[in-house]
């Protein structure tokens, strides 16, 4: 404010202004002498601060850290005050965690937390997720609190391998109290949930209509505090894409199988549905490839699991193979019928990592048939139908079929 300025201040120019400025300087020297040099000390402190701040231009953070190290690390004492919930995102490094805690008022400075974490080797095991912490904690207490499992809020849902999308919606609805209809609505646009459009490209003459089936990766998920149907499904899609990238699924399928990744994902879902043991996943995938692309009479899958998928998709009760009628097995209106030439339109469930690996790199073999031969789920594989009939006889003796 102008009223706060020194009353002797004058903006006049020329000779009068110079005399006035000389008078002001004289009065300032007199005030300095009368104060015992206190103002000189203040000016000296200001100059020191300006010198320290000189490096801020173009290197602000470095200058700030230099000053902070000279003045000490701002830190709270003790275990904190009122409770506060913070969320640490996936893949956040210690520095990012420190920023999150600082912004939430948990620690007094990012440096306090970083230094405490550097002194604690276990800090590398801090997990993403939600934590119940306290405001105004020392850096040491904050690190210790985040390493204590009791302070981590677990809001997890486990989705098993091989569930269909419709089944997953029901599971998620039961766990979150979000209506099934909201999951169904969100799933109508897989691209909006993060599935790249190129995933629906095929090498055969079929046009792939975008479907979420196959992209809801089975895993245990820790949900945010206020989840939505969209956020949960998007989280599952993101996990699928991460696993596919880690496996190099796309490149290996295109280079080694010479088919589209979507077609291999369909085969992975078939293996997930048909194999009774993890060891048989790759062999079932090989059978599917041999039937569709090899020397098989109809180049069709002839798997009852595809018929069951269509029954579920259309709101009908699923059945065992023995219960299915010929009309259901051979329904020409169904794009998932047994005698459909080539691969079916979409995956029939959401396969796990082992099934994806089996479809990506199946063991060599000329098998065209398989059947479960014991109650442990192990299957016998055959190249000829006669051999398959002998395996079926073994299955009947074991009481499997």
Protein backbone atom coordinates (compact mmCIF):
# COMPACT_ATOMS: atom_id res chain seq x y z
CA UNK A 1 0.00 0.00 0.00
CA UNK A 2 1.20 3.55 -0.70
CA UNK A 3 0.30 4.61 2.86
CA UNK A 4 2.85 2.09 4.17
CA UNK A 5 5.78 3.71 2.39
CA UNK A 6 8.37 5.87 4.19
CA UNK A 7 6.85 9.38 4.49
CA UNK A 8 10.18 10.84 3.30
CA UNK A 9 9.92 8.97 -0.01
CA UNK A 10 9.70 11.40 -2.96
CA UNK A 11 9.29 10.52 -6.61
CA UNK A 12 10.42 13.96 -7.89
CA UNK A 13 13.27 13.94 -10.41
CA UNK A 14 16.12 16.41 -10.95
CA UNK A 15 18.18 18.37 -8.39
CA UNK A 16 15.49 18.37 -5.76
CA UNK A 17 15.13 14.63 -6.07
CA UNK A 18 18.85 14.07 -5.61
CA UNK A 19 18.92 16.23 -2.46
CA UNK A 20 15.92 14.33 -1.13
CA UNK A 21 17.55 10.93 -1.81
CA UNK A 22 20.73 12.11 -0.06
CA UNK A 23 18.68 13.09 2.96
CA UNK A 24 16.96 9.68 3.01
CA UNK A 25 20.32 7.87 2.86
CA UNK A 26 21.60 10.03 5.73
CA UNK A 27 18.60 9.11 7.85
CA UNK A 28 19.08 5.41 7.03
CA UNK A 29 22.72 5.54 8.19
CA UNK A 30 21.64 7.19 11.42
CA UNK A 31 18.98 4.46 11.99
CA UNK A 32 21.58 1.74 11.35
CA UNK A 33 24.00 3.22 13.91
CA UNK A 34 21.22 3.66 16.49
CA UNK A 35 20.12 0.01 16.10
CA UNK A 36 23.58 -1.37 16.87
CA UNK A 37 24.16 -2.84 13.42
CA UNK A 38 21.05 -5.11 13.48
CA UNK A 39 19.96 -3.95 10.07
CA UNK A 40 23.40 -4.75 8.71
CA UNK A 41 22.99 -8.30 9.93
CA UNK A 42 19.62 -8.51 8.24
CA UNK A 43 21.09 -7.30 4.96
CA UNK A 44 23.90 -9.83 5.31
CA UNK A 45 21.38 -12.64 5.84
CA UNK A 46 19.43 -11.44 2.83
CA UNK A 47 22.55 -11.43 0.69
CA UNK A 48 23.37 -14.96 1.84
CA UNK A 49 19.87 -16.11 0.95
CA UNK A 50 20.05 -14.45 -2.46
CA UNK A 51 23.40 -16.12 -3.08
CA UNK A 52 21.95 -19.49 -2.24
CA UNK A 53 18.94 -18.84 -4.43
CA UNK A 54 21.09 -17.71 -7.32
CA UNK A 55 21.10 -21.17 -8.84
CA UNK A 56 17.33 -21.48 -8.95
CA UNK A 57 16.99 -20.22 -12.49
CA UNK A 58 17.07 -23.33 -14.67
CA UNK A 59 17.89 -25.53 -11.64
CA UNK A 60 15.19 -24.71 -9.11
CA UNK A 61 14.95 -28.11 -7.50
CA UNK A 62 18.73 -28.45 -7.15
CA UNK A 63 18.98 -25.02 -5.50
CA UNK A 64 16.10 -25.81 -3.17
CA UNK A 65 17.69 -29.09 -2.13
CA UNK A 66 20.99 -27.30 -1.45
CA UNK A 67 19.28 -24.76 0.77
CA UNK A 68 17.22 -27.44 2.51
CA UNK A 69 20.33 -29.52 3.22
CA UNK A 70 22.01 -26.47 4.80
CA UNK A 71 19.01 -25.60 6.91
CA UNK A 72 18.21 -29.24 7.86
CA UNK A 73 15.41 -31.57 6.79
CA UNK A 74 11.91 -30.37 7.74
CA UNK A 75 10.33 -33.23 9.64
CA UNK A 76 7.57 -33.85 12.17
CA UNK A 77 8.13 -35.57 15.49
CA UNK A 78 6.23 -38.66 16.52
CA UNK A 79 3.57 -40.91 15.05
CA UNK A 80 1.14 -38.25 13.85
CA UNK A 81 -2.30 -36.88 14.65
CA UNK A 82 -5.64 -37.60 12.95
CA UNK A 83 -6.08 -40.48 10.51
CA UNK A 84 -5.92 -39.99 6.74
CA UNK A 85 -6.24 -42.42 3.82
CA UNK A 86 -3.72 -42.23 0.99
CA UNK A 87 -3.55 -44.21 -2.23
CA UNK A 88 -0.25 -45.22 -3.80
CA UNK A 89 -0.51 -45.99 -7.53
CA UNK A 90 0.99 -49.04 -9.21
CA UNK A 91 4.70 -48.66 -9.98
CA UNK A 92 5.21 -45.49 -7.92
CA UNK A 93 8.88 -45.00 -6.92
CA UNK A 94 9.86 -43.79 -3.45
CA UNK A 95 10.09 -40.17 -4.65
CA UNK A 96 6.51 -40.29 -6.01
CA UNK A 97 5.27 -41.90 -2.78
CA UNK A 98 6.94 -39.07 -0.87
CA UNK A 99 5.08 -36.48 -2.94
CA UNK A 100 1.76 -38.25 -2.32
CA UNK A 101 2.37 -38.29 1.44
CA UNK A 102 3.47 -34.66 1.49
CA UNK A 103 0.38 -33.51 -0.41
CA UNK A 104 -1.81 -35.48 2.02
CA UNK A 105 -0.16 -33.78 5.01
CA UNK A 106 1.37 -37.01 6.28
CA UNK A 107 5.00 -35.84 6.18
CA UNK A 108 6.44 -32.36 6.54
CA UNK A 109 8.69 -32.67 3.50
CA UNK A 110 9.37 -35.14 0.73
CA UNK A 111 12.98 -35.27 1.83
CA UNK A 112 12.01 -36.49 5.31
CA UNK A 113 10.33 -39.55 3.82
CA UNK A 114 12.99 -40.22 1.18
CA UNK A 115 15.80 -40.10 3.75
CA UNK A 116 13.90 -42.40 6.11
CA UNK A 117 13.24 -44.83 3.24
CA UNK A 118 16.92 -44.83 2.27
CA UNK A 119 17.81 -45.84 5.82
CA UNK A 120 15.33 -48.74 5.79
CA UNK A 121 16.15 -51.56 3.35
CA UNK A 122 12.61 -52.91 3.62
CA UNK A 123 11.18 -49.72 2.09
CA UNK A 124 11.68 -51.29 -1.35
CA UNK A 125 8.83 -53.67 -0.54
CA UNK A 126 6.22 -50.94 -0.06
CA UNK A 127 3.22 -52.03 -2.14
CA UNK A 128 0.75 -49.98 -4.18
CA UNK A 129 -2.73 -49.57 -2.75
CA UNK A 130 -4.52 -47.70 0.00
CA UNK A 131 -3.04 -46.99 3.41
CA UNK A 132 -4.53 -45.75 6.67
CA UNK A 133 -1.89 -43.32 7.96
CA UNK A 134 -1.84 -40.18 10.12
CA UNK A 135 -1.16 -36.55 9.43
CA UNK A 136 2.07 -35.01 10.69
CA UNK A 137 4.09 -38.22 10.97
CA UNK A 138 7.85 -38.22 11.04
CA UNK A 139 9.46 -39.69 7.94
CA UNK A 140 10.65 -42.68 9.97
CA UNK A 141 7.18 -43.36 11.36
CA UNK A 142 5.61 -43.00 7.91
CA UNK A 143 7.95 -45.60 6.41
CA UNK A 144 7.33 -47.99 9.30
CA UNK A 145 3.55 -47.51 8.99
CA UNK A 146 3.58 -48.31 5.28
CA UNK A 147 5.54 -51.50 5.93
CA UNK A 148 3.00 -52.66 8.53
CA UNK A 149 0.35 -54.83 6.78
CA UNK A 150 -2.24 -53.69 9.33
CA UNK A 151 -2.20 -50.21 7.82
CA UNK A 152 -2.81 -51.38 4.27
CA UNK A 153 -6.46 -51.36 3.24
CA UNK A 154 -7.18 -54.52 1.28
CA UNK A 155 -10.22 -54.31 -0.96
CA UNK A 156 -9.43 -57.22 -3.23
CA UNK A 157 -11.38 -59.41 -5.62
CA UNK A 158 -10.07 -62.65 -7.11
CA UNK A 159 -11.29 -63.59 -10.58
CA UNK A 160 -10.51 -67.24 -11.43
CA UNK A 161 -9.26 -68.43 -14.81
CA UNK A 162 -11.77 -69.50 -17.41
CA UNK A 163 -14.76 -67.44 -16.29
CA UNK A 164 -16.94 -65.98 -19.02
CA UNK A 165 -17.56 -62.26 -19.06
CA UNK A 166 -21.17 -62.78 -17.93
CA UNK A 167 -19.96 -64.88 -15.00
CA UNK A 168 -17.37 -62.24 -14.09
CA UNK A 169 -20.03 -59.52 -14.02
CA UNK A 170 -22.02 -61.54 -11.49
CA UNK A 171 -18.96 -62.11 -9.33
CA UNK A 172 -18.00 -58.44 -9.40
CA UNK A 173 -21.56 -57.35 -8.67
CA UNK A 174 -21.69 -59.58 -5.59
CA UNK A 175 -18.40 -58.25 -4.27
CA UNK A 176 -18.92 -54.55 -5.00
CA UNK A 177 -22.72 -54.14 -4.96
CA UNK A 178 -22.44 -52.50 -8.38
CA UNK A 179 -25.36 -53.79 -10.51
CA UNK A 180 -24.61 -56.36 -13.20
CA UNK A 181 -26.27 -54.04 -15.71
CA UNK A 182 -23.57 -51.43 -15.17
CA UNK A 183 -20.84 -53.94 -16.00
CA UNK A 184 -22.75 -55.07 -19.08
CA UNK A 185 -23.15 -51.47 -20.22
CA UNK A 186 -19.47 -50.67 -19.68
CA UNK A 187 -18.40 -53.82 -21.55
CA UNK A 188 -20.26 -52.85 -24.71
CA UNK A 189 -17.34 -50.67 -25.77
CA UNK A 190 -14.09 -52.62 -25.27
CA UNK A 191 -12.11 -49.88 -27.00
CA UNK A 192 -13.20 -47.36 -24.37
CA UNK A 193 -11.95 -49.77 -21.70
CA UNK A 194 -8.50 -49.82 -23.26
CA UNK A 195 -8.50 -52.71 -25.75
CA UNK A 196 -6.57 -51.52 -28.84
CA UNK A 197 -8.67 -51.76 -31.99
CA UNK A 198 -5.98 -53.77 -33.80
CA UNK A 199 -6.54 -56.66 -31.42
CA UNK A 200 -9.73 -57.49 -33.34
CA UNK A 201 -7.91 -58.04 -36.65
CA UNK A 202 -8.05 -61.60 -38.01
CA UNK A 203 -6.16 -63.42 -40.73
CA UNK A 204 -9.17 -65.48 -41.83
CA UNK A 205 -12.13 -64.12 -43.75
CA UNK A 206 -14.15 -63.37 -40.62
CA UNK A 207 -14.77 -59.88 -39.31
CA UNK A 208 -14.19 -59.67 -35.58
CA UNK A 209 -16.82 -57.59 -33.82
CA UNK A 210 -15.22 -56.01 -30.74
CA UNK A 211 -16.00 -58.08 -27.67
CA UNK A 212 -14.64 -57.83 -24.14
CA UNK A 213 -14.51 -61.63 -23.88
CA UNK A 214 -10.93 -62.78 -23.46
CA UNK A 215 -9.56 -59.44 -22.23
CA UNK A 216 -10.73 -59.56 -18.58
CA UNK A 217 -7.57 -61.08 -17.21
CA UNK A 218 -8.08 -63.46 -14.26
CA UNK A 219 -6.16 -62.23 -11.22
CA UNK A 220 -6.55 -60.75 -7.75
CA UNK A 221 -7.31 -57.05 -7.96
CA UNK A 222 -7.12 -54.38 -5.30
CA UNK A 223 -9.92 -51.94 -6.03
CA UNK A 224 -9.92 -48.18 -5.46
CA UNK A 225 -11.95 -46.68 -2.64
CA UNK A 226 -14.93 -45.85 -4.87
CA UNK A 227 -14.80 -48.26 -7.82
CA UNK A 228 -17.06 -48.08 -10.84
CA UNK A 229 -17.90 -50.75 -13.37
CA UNK A 230 -15.78 -48.93 -15.94
CA UNK A 231 -12.76 -48.57 -13.65
CA UNK A 232 -12.80 -52.24 -12.62
CA UNK A 233 -13.10 -53.60 -16.16
CA UNK A 234 -10.47 -51.15 -17.40
CA UNK A 235 -8.15 -52.38 -14.63
CA UNK A 236 -8.62 -55.97 -15.83
CA UNK A 237 -7.99 -55.00 -19.46
CA UNK A 238 -4.83 -53.15 -18.44
CA UNK A 239 -3.62 -56.26 -16.62
CA UNK A 240 -4.29 -58.38 -19.72
CA UNK A 241 -2.27 -56.03 -21.92
CA UNK A 242 0.58 -56.03 -19.41
CA UNK A 243 0.73 -59.84 -19.29
CA UNK A 244 0.50 -60.09 -23.09
CA UNK A 245 3.42 -57.67 -23.40
CA UNK A 246 5.50 -59.53 -20.83
CA UNK A 247 4.92 -62.79 -22.72
CA UNK A 248 5.63 -61.13 -26.08
CA UNK A 249 2.37 -62.77 -27.03
CA UNK A 250 1.63 -60.63 -30.07
CA UNK A 251 5.04 -60.90 -31.73
CA UNK A 252 5.49 -64.59 -31.06
CA UNK A 253 2.04 -65.56 -32.29
CA UNK A 254 2.43 -63.55 -35.47
CA UNK A 255 5.97 -64.80 -36.15
CA UNK A 256 5.77 -68.40 -34.94
CA UNK A 257 2.10 -69.33 -35.38
CA UNK A 258 1.61 -66.91 -38.31
CA UNK A 259 -1.91 -66.07 -37.21
CA UNK A 260 -3.48 -63.02 -35.61
CA UNK A 261 -3.09 -62.59 -31.84
CA UNK A 262 -6.89 -62.57 -31.52
CA UNK A 263 -7.08 -66.02 -33.09
CA UNK A 264 -4.49 -67.32 -30.63
CA UNK A 265 -6.50 -65.77 -27.79
CA UNK A 266 -9.53 -67.74 -28.98
CA UNK A 267 -7.44 -70.92 -28.86
CA UNK A 268 -6.19 -70.02 -25.38
CA UNK A 269 -9.80 -69.78 -24.20
CA UNK A 270 -10.57 -73.19 -25.71
CA UNK A 271 -7.59 -74.73 -23.94
CA UNK A 272 -8.65 -73.08 -20.68
CA UNK A 273 -12.12 -74.58 -21.00
CA UNK A 274 -11.10 -78.08 -22.10
CA UNK A 275 -7.85 -78.91 -20.30
CA UNK A 276 -8.22 -80.61 -16.94
CA UNK A 277 -4.65 -79.94 -15.81
CA UNK A 278 -2.13 -77.14 -16.46
CA UNK A 279 0.13 -79.64 -18.22
CA UNK A 280 -2.55 -80.28 -20.86
CA UNK A 281 -3.20 -76.64 -21.80
CA UNK A 282 -0.60 -76.59 -24.58
CA UNK A 283 -1.67 -79.98 -25.93
CA UNK A 284 -5.32 -78.92 -26.18
CA UNK A 285 -4.20 -75.77 -27.99
CA UNK A 286 -2.25 -77.96 -30.40
CA UNK A 287 -5.37 -80.06 -31.08
CA UNK A 288 -7.34 -76.90 -31.86
CA UNK A 289 -4.66 -75.70 -34.30
CA UNK A 290 -4.45 -79.15 -35.94
CA UNK A 291 -8.20 -79.33 -36.44
CA UNK A 292 -8.66 -75.82 -37.84
CA UNK A 293 -5.46 -75.45 -39.86
CA UNK A 294 -4.40 -79.07 -40.41
CA UNK A 295 -5.68 -82.24 -42.06
CA UNK A 296 -9.02 -82.62 -40.32
CA UNK A 297 -12.21 -83.58 -42.15
CA UNK A 298 -14.17 -80.37 -41.57
CA UNK A 299 -11.45 -78.03 -40.35
CA UNK A 300 -13.82 -77.30 -37.49
CA UNK A 301 -13.28 -77.38 -33.75
CA UNK A 302 -15.94 -79.94 -32.82
CA UNK A 303 -15.79 -78.93 -29.15
CA UNK A 304 -18.87 -78.97 -26.97
CA UNK A 305 -17.57 -76.06 -24.89
CA UNK A 306 -18.30 -73.68 -27.76
CA UNK A 307 -21.93 -74.85 -27.80
CA UNK A 308 -22.20 -74.28 -24.06
CA UNK A 309 -20.84 -70.77 -24.48
CA UNK A 310 -23.58 -69.99 -26.98
CA UNK A 311 -26.19 -71.35 -24.58
CA UNK A 312 -24.93 -69.06 -21.81
CA UNK A 313 -24.61 -66.14 -24.19
CA UNK A 314 -28.27 -66.49 -25.19
CA UNK A 315 -29.53 -66.90 -21.63
CA UNK A 316 -30.02 -70.67 -21.71
CA UNK A 317 -28.88 -73.30 -19.22
CA UNK A 318 -25.50 -74.86 -19.94
CA UNK A 319 -25.33 -78.65 -20.22
CA UNK A 320 -22.95 -81.57 -20.08
CA UNK A 321 -21.95 -83.15 -23.37
CA UNK A 322 -24.26 -86.11 -22.67
CA UNK A 323 -27.24 -83.78 -22.16
CA UNK A 324 -26.81 -81.83 -25.41
CA UNK A 325 -29.20 -82.59 -28.25
CA UNK A 326 -28.20 -82.87 -31.89
CA UNK A 327 -30.17 -79.72 -32.62
CA UNK A 328 -28.09 -77.82 -30.09
CA UNK A 329 -24.81 -79.28 -31.30
CA UNK A 330 -25.49 -78.64 -34.98
CA UNK A 331 -27.66 -75.50 -34.79
CA UNK A 332 -26.89 -73.70 -38.05
CA UNK A 333 -28.00 -70.40 -36.54
CA UNK A 334 -25.26 -70.59 -33.92
CA UNK A 335 -21.85 -69.13 -34.80
CA UNK A 336 -20.42 -71.39 -32.06
CA UNK A 337 -21.74 -74.71 -33.39
CA UNK A 338 -19.55 -77.81 -33.46
CA UNK A 339 -19.30 -78.06 -37.24
CA UNK A 340 -18.46 -74.41 -37.89
CA UNK A 341 -15.53 -74.31 -40.28
CA UNK A 342 -12.56 -72.43 -38.89
CA UNK A 343 -12.34 -70.58 -35.61
CA UNK A 344 -15.36 -69.28 -33.72
CA UNK A 345 -16.08 -65.52 -33.63
CA UNK A 346 -14.68 -64.74 -30.16
CA UNK A 347 -12.96 -66.31 -27.18
CA UNK A 348 -15.36 -68.28 -24.99
CA UNK A 349 -13.91 -67.20 -21.66
CA UNK A 350 -11.07 -65.21 -20.15
CA UNK A 351 -7.94 -67.39 -20.11
CA UNK A 352 -5.06 -67.12 -17.67
CA UNK A 353 -1.36 -66.79 -18.35
CA UNK A 354 -0.63 -70.51 -18.65
CA UNK A 355 -3.37 -70.94 -21.24
CA UNK A 356 -2.00 -67.99 -23.20
CA UNK A 357 1.46 -69.53 -23.06
CA UNK A 358 0.04 -72.84 -24.28
CA UNK A 359 -1.65 -71.17 -27.26
CA UNK A 360 1.46 -69.14 -28.02
CA UNK A 361 3.90 -72.03 -27.86
CA UNK A 362 2.11 -75.41 -27.94
CA UNK A 363 4.15 -78.62 -27.86
CA UNK A 364 4.68 -80.37 -31.21
CA UNK A 365 2.25 -83.16 -32.00
CA UNK A 366 -0.23 -84.41 -34.59
CA UNK A 367 -3.04 -85.00 -32.12
CA UNK A 368 -6.58 -84.53 -33.35
CA UNK A 369 -8.49 -86.03 -30.41
CA UNK A 370 -8.37 -86.02 -26.61
CA UNK A 371 -10.48 -87.24 -23.72
CA UNK A 372 -10.21 -87.06 -19.92
CA UNK A 373 -9.22 -90.48 -18.62
CA UNK A 374 -9.24 -90.07 -14.83
CA UNK A 375 -10.89 -88.02 -12.12
CA UNK A 376 -7.73 -85.92 -11.70
CA UNK A 377 -8.54 -84.36 -15.08
CA UNK A 378 -5.64 -85.77 -17.07
CA UNK A 379 -6.37 -86.32 -20.76
CA UNK A 380 -5.17 -88.85 -23.29
CA UNK A 381 -4.34 -87.50 -26.75
CA UNK A 382 -4.62 -89.40 -30.03
CA UNK A 383 -3.68 -88.86 -33.66
CA UNK A 384 -6.28 -91.29 -35.06
CA UNK A 385 -9.92 -91.91 -34.30
CA UNK A 386 -9.30 -95.60 -33.54
CA UNK A 387 -6.75 -94.64 -30.91
CA UNK A 388 -9.23 -92.13 -29.54
CA UNK A 389 -11.88 -94.84 -29.19
CA UNK A 390 -9.46 -96.91 -27.10
CA UNK A 391 -8.83 -93.89 -24.88
CA UNK A 392 -12.59 -93.40 -24.46
CA UNK A 393 -12.84 -97.03 -23.31
CA UNK A 394 -10.22 -96.28 -20.64
CA UNK A 395 -12.24 -93.25 -19.57
CA UNK A 396 -15.39 -95.35 -19.20
CA UNK A 397 -13.53 -97.88 -17.10
CA UNK A 398 -12.39 -95.06 -14.83
CA UNK A 399 -15.94 -93.80 -14.56
CA UNK A 400 -15.15 -90.46 -16.19
CA UNK A 401 -17.58 -90.71 -19.11
